PDB file of all heavy atoms in Angstrom:
ATOM      1  N   ILE A   1      73.813 138.562-294.229  1.00  0.00           N
ATOM      2  CA  ILE A   1      73.526 138.347-292.854  1.00  0.00           C
ATOM      3  C   ILE A   1      72.125 138.761-292.497  1.00  0.00           C
ATOM      4  O   ILE A   1      71.430 138.239-291.616  1.00  0.00           O
ATOM      5  CB  ILE A   1      74.579 139.059-291.975  1.00  0.00           C
ATOM      6  CG1 ILE A   1      74.401 138.744-290.462  1.00  0.00           C
ATOM      7  CG2 ILE A   1      74.488 140.573-292.230  1.00  0.00           C
ATOM      8  CD1 ILE A   1      74.476 137.288-290.076  1.00  0.00           C
ATOM      9  N   ASP A   2      71.660 139.768-293.211  1.00  0.00           N
ATOM     10  CA  ASP A   2      70.283 140.344-293.075  1.00  0.00           C
ATOM     11  C   ASP A   2      69.229 139.194-293.310  1.00  0.00           C
ATOM     12  O   ASP A   2      68.241 139.002-292.648  1.00  0.00           O
ATOM     13  CB  ASP A   2      69.994 141.532-293.936  1.00  0.00           C
ATOM     14  CG  ASP A   2      70.742 142.745-293.461  1.00  0.00           C
ATOM     15  OD1 ASP A   2      71.254 142.769-292.372  1.00  0.00           O
ATOM     16  OD2 ASP A   2      71.084 143.652-294.325  1.00  0.00           O
ATOM     17  N   TYR A   3      69.576 138.411-294.556  1.00  0.00           N
ATOM     18  CA  TYR A   3      68.688 137.274-294.811  1.00  0.00           C
ATOM     19  C   TYR A   3      68.629 136.226-293.559  1.00  0.00           C
ATOM     20  O   TYR A   3      67.587 135.690-293.324  1.00  0.00           O
ATOM     21  CB  TYR A   3      69.117 136.568-296.051  1.00  0.00           C
ATOM     22  CG  TYR A   3      69.016 137.393-297.366  1.00  0.00           C
ATOM     23  CD1 TYR A   3      69.720 137.178-298.435  1.00  0.00           C
ATOM     24  CD2 TYR A   3      68.057 138.497-297.434  1.00  0.00           C
ATOM     25  CE1 TYR A   3      69.735 137.911-299.649  1.00  0.00           C
ATOM     26  CE2 TYR A   3      68.040 139.300-298.556  1.00  0.00           C
ATOM     27  CZ  TYR A   3      68.758 138.946-299.652  1.00  0.00           C
ATOM     28  OH  TYR A   3      68.726 139.797-300.746  1.00  0.00           O
ATOM     29  N   VAL A   4      69.803 135.945-293.159  1.00  0.00           N
ATOM     30  CA  VAL A   4      69.849 134.946-292.022  1.00  0.00           C
ATOM     31  C   VAL A   4      69.182 135.369-290.823  1.00  0.00           C
ATOM     32  O   VAL A   4      68.375 134.678-290.243  1.00  0.00           O
ATOM     33  CB  VAL A   4      71.412 134.650-291.692  1.00  0.00           C
ATOM     34  CG1 VAL A   4      71.567 133.753-290.472  1.00  0.00           C
ATOM     35  CG2 VAL A   4      72.106 134.054-292.865  1.00  0.00           C
ATOM     36  N   ILE A   5      69.247 136.703-290.425  1.00  0.00           N
ATOM     37  CA  ILE A   5      68.622 137.324-289.330  1.00  0.00           C
ATOM     38  C   ILE A   5      67.030 137.206-289.626  1.00  0.00           C
ATOM     39  O   ILE A   5      66.348 136.797-288.678  1.00  0.00           O
ATOM     40  CB  ILE A   5      69.064 138.645-289.062  1.00  0.00           C
ATOM     41  CG1 ILE A   5      70.425 138.572-288.448  1.00  0.00           C
ATOM     42  CG2 ILE A   5      68.130 139.306-288.007  1.00  0.00           C
ATOM     43  CD1 ILE A   5      71.201 139.986-288.420  1.00  0.00           C
ATOM     44  N   SER A   6      66.689 137.589-290.809  1.00  0.00           N
ATOM     45  CA  SER A   6      65.227 137.559-291.044  1.00  0.00           C
ATOM     46  C   SER A   6      64.709 136.035-290.983  1.00  0.00           C
ATOM     47  O   SER A   6      63.511 135.925-290.561  1.00  0.00           O
ATOM     48  CB  SER A   6      64.977 138.106-292.494  1.00  0.00           C
ATOM     49  OG  SER A   6      65.354 139.471-292.501  1.00  0.00           O
ATOM     50  N   ALA A   7      65.536 135.186-291.509  1.00  0.00           N
ATOM     51  CA  ALA A   7      65.027 133.815-291.576  1.00  0.00           C
ATOM     52  C   ALA A   7      64.906 133.275-290.061  1.00  0.00           C
ATOM     53  O   ALA A   7      63.904 132.479-289.683  1.00  0.00           O
ATOM     54  CB  ALA A   7      65.932 132.927-292.284  1.00  0.00           C
ATOM     55  N   LEU A   8      65.870 133.686-289.263  1.00  0.00           N
ATOM     56  CA  LEU A   8      65.756 133.146-287.832  1.00  0.00           C
ATOM     57  C   LEU A   8      64.613 133.746-287.179  1.00  0.00           C
ATOM     58  O   LEU A   8      63.949 133.040-286.319  1.00  0.00           O
ATOM     59  CB  LEU A   8      67.054 133.402-287.244  1.00  0.00           C
ATOM     60  CG  LEU A   8      67.124 132.916-285.734  1.00  0.00           C
ATOM     61  CD1 LEU A   8      66.852 131.526-285.646  1.00  0.00           C
ATOM     62  CD2 LEU A   8      68.605 133.214-285.128  1.00  0.00           C
ATOM     63  N   LYS A   9      64.369 135.081-287.436  1.00  0.00           N
ATOM     64  CA  LYS A   9      63.225 135.731-286.817  1.00  0.00           C
ATOM     65  C   LYS A   9      61.913 135.067-287.267  1.00  0.00           C
ATOM     66  O   LYS A   9      60.964 134.910-286.465  1.00  0.00           O
ATOM     67  CB  LYS A   9      63.172 137.214-287.260  1.00  0.00           C
ATOM     68  CG  LYS A   9      64.135 138.122-286.410  1.00  0.00           C
ATOM     69  CD  LYS A   9      64.126 139.589-286.898  1.00  0.00           C
ATOM     70  CE  LYS A   9      65.000 140.511-286.245  1.00  0.00           C
ATOM     71  NZ  LYS A   9      64.925 141.885-286.768  1.00  0.00           N
ATOM     72  N   TYR A  10      61.862 134.739-288.473  1.00  0.00           N
ATOM     73  CA  TYR A  10      60.650 134.082-289.080  1.00  0.00           C
ATOM     74  C   TYR A  10      60.467 132.742-288.395  1.00  0.00           C
ATOM     75  O   TYR A  10      59.360 132.361-288.013  1.00  0.00           O
ATOM     76  CB  TYR A  10      60.901 133.772-290.496  1.00  0.00           C
ATOM     77  CG  TYR A  10      59.599 133.333-291.369  1.00  0.00           C
ATOM     78  CD1 TYR A  10      58.862 134.261-292.034  1.00  0.00           C
ATOM     79  CD2 TYR A  10      59.299 131.944-291.339  1.00  0.00           C
ATOM     80  CE1 TYR A  10      57.764 133.855-292.843  1.00  0.00           C
ATOM     81  CE2 TYR A  10      58.239 131.639-292.079  1.00  0.00           C
ATOM     82  CZ  TYR A  10      57.513 132.479-292.826  1.00  0.00           C
ATOM     83  OH  TYR A  10      56.424 132.010-293.505  1.00  0.00           O
ATOM     84  N   ALA A  11      61.465 131.965-288.160  1.00  0.00           N
ATOM     85  CA  ALA A  11      61.410 130.672-287.632  1.00  0.00           C
ATOM     86  C   ALA A  11      60.990 130.673-286.091  1.00  0.00           C
ATOM     87  O   ALA A  11      60.049 130.099-285.698  1.00  0.00           O
ATOM     88  CB  ALA A  11      62.791 129.905-287.634  1.00  0.00           C
ATOM     89  N   ILE A  12      61.539 131.577-285.429  1.00  0.00           N
ATOM     90  CA  ILE A  12      61.122 131.896-283.996  1.00  0.00           C
ATOM     91  C   ILE A  12      59.577 132.255-283.912  1.00  0.00           C
ATOM     92  O   ILE A  12      58.928 131.761-283.067  1.00  0.00           O
ATOM     93  CB  ILE A  12      62.104 132.889-283.296  1.00  0.00           C
ATOM     94  CG1 ILE A  12      63.440 132.313-283.251  1.00  0.00           C
ATOM     95  CG2 ILE A  12      61.460 133.231-282.034  1.00  0.00           C
ATOM     96  CD1 ILE A  12      64.544 133.361-282.789  1.00  0.00           C
ATOM     97  N   SER A  13      59.202 133.268-284.683  1.00  0.00           N
ATOM     98  CA  SER A  13      57.869 133.752-284.601  1.00  0.00           C
ATOM     99  C   SER A  13      56.834 132.805-285.110  1.00  0.00           C
ATOM    100  O   SER A  13      55.729 132.801-284.750  1.00  0.00           O
ATOM    101  CB  SER A  13      57.727 135.147-285.399  1.00  0.00           C
ATOM    102  OG  SER A  13      58.027 134.832-286.797  1.00  0.00           O
ATOM    103  N   ASN A  14      57.245 131.740-285.983  1.00  0.00           N
ATOM    104  CA  ASN A  14      56.300 130.922-286.485  1.00  0.00           C
ATOM    105  C   ASN A  14      56.353 129.427-285.783  1.00  0.00           C
ATOM    106  O   ASN A  14      55.983 128.449-286.309  1.00  0.00           O
ATOM    107  CB  ASN A  14      56.521 130.608-287.880  1.00  0.00           C
ATOM    108  CG  ASN A  14      55.865 131.727-288.705  1.00  0.00           C
ATOM    109  OD1 ASN A  14      54.749 131.783-289.071  1.00  0.00           O
ATOM    110  ND2 ASN A  14      56.714 132.747-289.093  1.00  0.00           N
ATOM    111  N   GLY A  15      57.015 129.479-284.609  1.00  0.00           N
ATOM    112  CA  GLY A  15      56.903 128.235-283.697  1.00  0.00           C
ATOM    113  C   GLY A  15      57.872 127.252-283.832  1.00  0.00           C
ATOM    114  O   GLY A  15      57.801 126.130-283.331  1.00  0.00           O
ATOM    115  N   ALA A  16      59.036 127.535-284.419  1.00  0.00           N
ATOM    116  CA  ALA A  16      60.155 126.488-284.619  1.00  0.00           C
ATOM    117  C   ALA A  16      60.636 126.200-283.195  1.00  0.00           C
ATOM    118  O   ALA A  16      60.928 127.132-282.450  1.00  0.00           O
ATOM    119  CB  ALA A  16      61.259 126.938-285.504  1.00  0.00           C
ATOM    120  N   HIS A  17      60.856 124.889-282.921  1.00  0.00           N
ATOM    121  CA  HIS A  17      61.534 124.422-281.622  1.00  0.00           C
ATOM    122  C   HIS A  17      62.930 124.224-281.730  1.00  0.00           C
ATOM    123  O   HIS A  17      63.687 124.443-280.814  1.00  0.00           O
ATOM    124  CB  HIS A  17      60.874 123.112-281.143  1.00  0.00           C
ATOM    125  CG  HIS A  17      59.417 123.198-280.818  1.00  0.00           C
ATOM    126  ND1 HIS A  17      58.799 123.764-279.766  1.00  0.00           N
ATOM    127  CD2 HIS A  17      58.372 122.746-281.591  1.00  0.00           C
ATOM    128  CE1 HIS A  17      57.595 123.679-279.860  1.00  0.00           C
ATOM    129  NE2 HIS A  17      57.184 123.109-280.947  1.00  0.00           N
ATOM    130  N   VAL A  18      63.399 123.896-282.993  1.00  0.00           N
ATOM    131  CA  VAL A  18      64.894 123.668-283.161  1.00  0.00           C
ATOM    132  C   VAL A  18      65.204 124.379-284.624  1.00  0.00           C
ATOM    133  O   VAL A  18      64.371 124.331-285.503  1.00  0.00           O
ATOM    134  CB  VAL A  18      65.199 122.151-283.384  1.00  0.00           C
ATOM    135  CG1 VAL A  18      66.661 121.981-283.479  1.00  0.00           C
ATOM    136  CG2 VAL A  18      64.504 121.340-282.251  1.00  0.00           C
ATOM    137  N   VAL A  19      66.355 125.000-284.556  1.00  0.00           N
ATOM    138  CA  VAL A  19      66.791 125.651-285.775  1.00  0.00           C
ATOM    139  C   VAL A  19      68.280 125.217-286.156  1.00  0.00           C
ATOM    140  O   VAL A  19      69.126 125.221-285.306  1.00  0.00           O
ATOM    141  CB  VAL A  19      66.778 127.227-285.679  1.00  0.00           C
ATOM    142  CG1 VAL A  19      67.392 127.818-287.002  1.00  0.00           C
ATOM    143  CG2 VAL A  19      65.413 127.726-285.453  1.00  0.00           C
ATOM    144  N   ASN A  20      68.457 124.691-287.376  1.00  0.00           N
ATOM    145  CA  ASN A  20      69.732 124.315-287.737  1.00  0.00           C
ATOM    146  C   ASN A  20      70.324 125.380-288.741  1.00  0.00           C
ATOM    147  O   ASN A  20      69.773 125.783-289.721  1.00  0.00           O
ATOM    148  CB  ASN A  20      69.765 122.957-288.597  1.00  0.00           C
ATOM    149  CG  ASN A  20      71.145 122.659-289.005  1.00  0.00           C
ATOM    150  OD1 ASN A  20      71.897 122.194-288.184  1.00  0.00           O
ATOM    151  ND2 ASN A  20      71.505 122.627-290.185  1.00  0.00           N
ATOM    152  N   LEU A  21      71.556 125.933-288.322  1.00  0.00           N
ATOM    153  CA  LEU A  21      72.177 126.866-289.189  1.00  0.00           C
ATOM    154  C   LEU A  21      73.519 126.285-289.555  1.00  0.00           C
ATOM    155  O   LEU A  21      74.596 126.377-288.981  1.00  0.00           O
ATOM    156  CB  LEU A  21      72.594 128.153-288.300  1.00  0.00           C
ATOM    157  CG  LEU A  21      71.393 128.959-287.766  1.00  0.00           C
ATOM    158  CD1 LEU A  21      71.867 130.132-286.913  1.00  0.00           C
ATOM    159  CD2 LEU A  21      70.530 129.521-289.014  1.00  0.00           C
ATOM    160  N   SER A  22      73.462 125.687-290.749  1.00  0.00           N
ATOM    161  CA  SER A  22      74.701 125.018-291.312  1.00  0.00           C
ATOM    162  C   SER A  22      75.361 126.123-292.202  1.00  0.00           C
ATOM    163  O   SER A  22      75.357 126.038-293.390  1.00  0.00           O
ATOM    164  CB  SER A  22      74.347 123.778-292.228  1.00  0.00           C
ATOM    165  OG  SER A  22      74.140 122.635-291.412  1.00  0.00           O
ATOM    166  N   LEU A  23      75.872 127.060-291.468  1.00  0.00           N
ATOM    167  CA  LEU A  23      76.486 128.236-292.163  1.00  0.00           C
ATOM    168  C   LEU A  23      77.407 129.031-291.166  1.00  0.00           C
ATOM    169  O   LEU A  23      77.314 128.677-289.937  1.00  0.00           O
ATOM    170  CB  LEU A  23      75.440 129.230-292.731  1.00  0.00           C
ATOM    171  CG  LEU A  23      74.265 129.577-291.758  1.00  0.00           C
ATOM    172  CD1 LEU A  23      74.724 130.702-290.955  1.00  0.00           C
ATOM    173  CD2 LEU A  23      73.074 129.974-292.518  1.00  0.00           C
ATOM    174  N   LEU A  24      78.230 129.819-291.638  1.00  0.00           N
ATOM    175  CA  LEU A  24      78.973 130.680-290.842  1.00  0.00           C
ATOM    176  C   LEU A  24      78.573 132.175-291.276  1.00  0.00           C
ATOM    177  O   LEU A  24      78.288 132.431-292.322  1.00  0.00           O
ATOM    178  CB  LEU A  24      80.475 130.539-291.079  1.00  0.00           C
ATOM    179  CG  LEU A  24      81.032 129.066-290.755  1.00  0.00           C
ATOM    180  CD1 LEU A  24      82.558 128.920-291.103  1.00  0.00           C
ATOM    181  CD2 LEU A  24      80.889 128.853-289.183  1.00  0.00           C
ATOM    182  N   THR A  25      78.739 133.050-290.194  1.00  0.00           N
ATOM    183  CA  THR A  25      78.441 134.378-290.455  1.00  0.00           C
ATOM    184  C   THR A  25      79.538 135.314-289.844  1.00  0.00           C
ATOM    185  O   THR A  25      80.414 134.796-289.160  1.00  0.00           O
ATOM    186  CB  THR A  25      77.077 134.771-289.778  1.00  0.00           C
ATOM    187  OG1 THR A  25      77.416 134.799-288.310  1.00  0.00           O
ATOM    188  CG2 THR A  25      75.915 133.797-290.044  1.00  0.00           C
ATOM    189  N   GLY A  26      79.324 136.633-290.021  1.00  0.00           N
ATOM    190  CA  GLY A  26      80.210 137.524-289.377  1.00  0.00           C
ATOM    191  C   GLY A  26      79.868 137.652-287.914  1.00  0.00           C
ATOM    192  O   GLY A  26      78.888 137.083-287.435  1.00  0.00           O
ATOM    193  N   ASN A  27      80.697 138.438-287.156  1.00  0.00           N
ATOM    194  CA  ASN A  27      80.402 138.604-285.683  1.00  0.00           C
ATOM    195  C   ASN A  27      79.288 139.576-285.648  1.00  0.00           C
ATOM    196  O   ASN A  27      79.383 140.769-285.209  1.00  0.00           O
ATOM    197  CB  ASN A  27      81.584 139.085-285.109  1.00  0.00           C
ATOM    198  CG  ASN A  27      81.441 139.072-283.534  1.00  0.00           C
ATOM    199  OD1 ASN A  27      80.495 138.432-282.984  1.00  0.00           O
ATOM    200  ND2 ASN A  27      82.369 139.719-282.848  1.00  0.00           N
ATOM    201  N   SER A  28      77.931 139.160-285.842  1.00  0.00           N
ATOM    202  CA  SER A  28      76.737 140.081-285.824  1.00  0.00           C
ATOM    203  C   SER A  28      76.231 140.096-284.443  1.00  0.00           C
ATOM    204  O   SER A  28      75.657 139.179-283.868  1.00  0.00           O
ATOM    205  CB  SER A  28      75.772 139.565-286.818  1.00  0.00           C
ATOM    206  OG  SER A  28      74.524 140.104-286.554  1.00  0.00           O
ATOM    207  N   ALA A  29      76.221 141.282-283.840  1.00  0.00           N
ATOM    208  CA  ALA A  29      75.709 141.573-282.560  1.00  0.00           C
ATOM    209  C   ALA A  29      74.168 141.326-282.606  1.00  0.00           C
ATOM    210  O   ALA A  29      73.570 140.803-281.731  1.00  0.00           O
ATOM    211  CB  ALA A  29      75.937 142.940-282.046  1.00  0.00           C
ATOM    212  N   GLU A  30      73.534 141.574-283.722  1.00  0.00           N
ATOM    213  CA  GLU A  30      72.076 141.467-283.829  1.00  0.00           C
ATOM    214  C   GLU A  30      71.659 139.898-283.940  1.00  0.00           C
ATOM    215  O   GLU A  30      70.692 139.484-283.217  1.00  0.00           O
ATOM    216  CB  GLU A  30      71.561 142.099-285.142  1.00  0.00           C
ATOM    217  CG  GLU A  30      69.984 142.007-285.251  1.00  0.00           C
ATOM    218  CD  GLU A  30      69.428 142.713-286.495  1.00  0.00           C
ATOM    219  OE1 GLU A  30      70.276 143.387-287.308  1.00  0.00           O
ATOM    220  OE2 GLU A  30      68.179 142.892-286.594  1.00  0.00           O
ATOM    221  N   LEU A  31      72.497 139.147-284.621  1.00  0.00           N
ATOM    222  CA  LEU A  31      72.208 137.681-284.710  1.00  0.00           C
ATOM    223  C   LEU A  31      72.434 137.152-283.227  1.00  0.00           C
ATOM    224  O   LEU A  31      71.716 136.184-282.814  1.00  0.00           O
ATOM    225  CB  LEU A  31      73.107 136.934-285.639  1.00  0.00           C
ATOM    226  CG  LEU A  31      72.892 135.504-285.830  1.00  0.00           C
ATOM    227  CD1 LEU A  31      71.458 135.270-286.290  1.00  0.00           C
ATOM    228  CD2 LEU A  31      73.881 134.919-286.859  1.00  0.00           C
ATOM    229  N   TYR A  32      73.444 137.576-282.512  1.00  0.00           N
ATOM    230  CA  TYR A  32      73.682 136.980-281.235  1.00  0.00           C
ATOM    231  C   TYR A  32      72.598 137.354-280.255  1.00  0.00           C
ATOM    232  O   TYR A  32      72.074 136.442-279.539  1.00  0.00           O
ATOM    233  CB  TYR A  32      75.016 137.753-280.718  1.00  0.00           C
ATOM    234  CG  TYR A  32      75.407 137.316-279.266  1.00  0.00           C
ATOM    235  CD1 TYR A  32      76.345 136.367-278.973  1.00  0.00           C
ATOM    236  CD2 TYR A  32      74.741 137.905-278.122  1.00  0.00           C
ATOM    237  CE1 TYR A  32      76.751 136.006-277.757  1.00  0.00           C
ATOM    238  CE2 TYR A  32      75.152 137.618-276.870  1.00  0.00           C
ATOM    239  CZ  TYR A  32      76.139 136.659-276.680  1.00  0.00           C
ATOM    240  OH  TYR A  32      76.441 136.261-275.350  1.00  0.00           O
ATOM    241  N   ARG A  33      72.084 138.583-280.312  1.00  0.00           N
ATOM    242  CA  ARG A  33      70.896 138.917-279.404  1.00  0.00           C
ATOM    243  C   ARG A  33      69.700 138.185-279.775  1.00  0.00           C
ATOM    244  O   ARG A  33      68.861 137.890-278.950  1.00  0.00           O
ATOM    245  CB  ARG A  33      70.788 140.529-279.469  1.00  0.00           C
ATOM    246  CG  ARG A  33      71.782 141.340-278.939  1.00  0.00           C
ATOM    247  CD  ARG A  33      71.460 142.760-278.731  1.00  0.00           C
ATOM    248  NE  ARG A  33      71.151 143.388-280.009  1.00  0.00           N
ATOM    249  CZ  ARG A  33      72.008 144.081-280.651  1.00  0.00           C
ATOM    250  NH1 ARG A  33      73.128 144.251-280.207  1.00  0.00           N
ATOM    251  NH2 ARG A  33      71.750 144.689-281.787  1.00  0.00           N
ATOM    252  N   LEU A  34      69.449 137.911-281.098  1.00  0.00           N
ATOM    253  CA  LEU A  34      68.332 137.216-281.518  1.00  0.00           C
ATOM    254  C   LEU A  34      68.269 135.820-280.946  1.00  0.00           C
ATOM    255  O   LEU A  34      67.303 135.265-280.438  1.00  0.00           O
ATOM    256  CB  LEU A  34      68.284 137.101-282.972  1.00  0.00           C
ATOM    257  CG  LEU A  34      67.067 136.429-283.563  1.00  0.00           C
ATOM    258  CD1 LEU A  34      65.733 137.161-283.202  1.00  0.00           C
ATOM    259  CD2 LEU A  34      67.122 136.430-285.195  1.00  0.00           C
ATOM    260  N   ILE A  35      69.409 135.102-280.974  1.00  0.00           N
ATOM    261  CA  ILE A  35      69.503 133.735-280.402  1.00  0.00           C
ATOM    262  C   ILE A  35      69.388 133.802-278.951  1.00  0.00           C
ATOM    263  O   ILE A  35      68.578 133.018-278.280  1.00  0.00           O
ATOM    264  CB  ILE A  35      70.913 133.080-280.747  1.00  0.00           C
ATOM    265  CG1 ILE A  35      71.023 132.977-282.352  1.00  0.00           C
ATOM    266  CG2 ILE A  35      70.995 131.751-280.076  1.00  0.00           C
ATOM    267  CD1 ILE A  35      72.399 132.369-282.720  1.00  0.00           C
ATOM    268  N   GLN A  36      69.981 134.800-278.361  1.00  0.00           N
ATOM    269  CA  GLN A  36      69.899 134.956-276.901  1.00  0.00           C
ATOM    270  C   GLN A  36      68.334 135.352-276.537  1.00  0.00           C
ATOM    271  O   GLN A  36      67.916 134.860-275.431  1.00  0.00           O
ATOM    272  CB  GLN A  36      70.736 136.080-276.486  1.00  0.00           C
ATOM    273  CG  GLN A  36      70.914 136.375-274.896  1.00  0.00           C
ATOM    274  CD  GLN A  36      71.803 137.568-274.673  1.00  0.00           C
ATOM    275  OE1 GLN A  36      71.738 138.663-275.343  1.00  0.00           O
ATOM    276  NE2 GLN A  36      72.683 137.391-273.698  1.00  0.00           N
ATOM    277  N   SER A  37      67.668 135.947-277.353  1.00  0.00           N
ATOM    278  CA  SER A  37      66.227 136.418-276.951  1.00  0.00           C
ATOM    279  C   SER A  37      65.252 135.242-277.032  1.00  0.00           C
ATOM    280  O   SER A  37      64.101 135.424-276.601  1.00  0.00           O
ATOM    281  CB  SER A  37      65.797 137.419-277.856  1.00  0.00           C
ATOM    282  OG  SER A  37      65.551 137.004-279.143  1.00  0.00           O
ATOM    283  N   ALA A  38      65.624 134.061-277.546  1.00  0.00           N
ATOM    284  CA  ALA A  38      64.850 133.017-277.783  1.00  0.00           C
ATOM    285  C   ALA A  38      65.408 131.712-277.044  1.00  0.00           C
ATOM    286  O   ALA A  38      65.831 130.736-277.772  1.00  0.00           O
ATOM    287  CB  ALA A  38      64.548 132.669-279.188  1.00  0.00           C
ATOM    288  N   PRO A  39      65.411 131.708-275.713  1.00  0.00           N
ATOM    289  CA  PRO A  39      66.127 130.686-274.971  1.00  0.00           C
ATOM    290  C   PRO A  39      65.502 129.299-275.085  1.00  0.00           C
ATOM    291  O   PRO A  39      66.180 128.309-274.850  1.00  0.00           O
ATOM    292  CB  PRO A  39      66.177 131.207-273.636  1.00  0.00           C
ATOM    293  CG  PRO A  39      65.038 132.179-273.396  1.00  0.00           C
ATOM    294  CD  PRO A  39      64.872 132.837-274.821  1.00  0.00           C
ATOM    295  N   ASP A  40      64.249 129.247-275.430  1.00  0.00           N
ATOM    296  CA  ASP A  40      63.601 128.020-275.611  1.00  0.00           C
ATOM    297  C   ASP A  40      63.817 127.409-277.030  1.00  0.00           C
ATOM    298  O   ASP A  40      63.260 126.222-277.215  1.00  0.00           O
ATOM    299  CB  ASP A  40      62.056 128.075-275.390  1.00  0.00           C
ATOM    300  CG  ASP A  40      61.853 128.485-273.905  1.00  0.00           C
ATOM    301  OD1 ASP A  40      62.559 128.146-273.047  1.00  0.00           O
ATOM    302  OD2 ASP A  40      60.814 129.197-273.591  1.00  0.00           O
TER     303      ASP A  40
END
């Protein structure tokens, strides 16, 4: 899950407009907050 979070942070910080997560994760509060923090 740490890799997934790092990858999503990387995508957001490098200008991705759309992110596809073809995966399932645990109930990660950090991942939830990360998606929430990038509403665009």
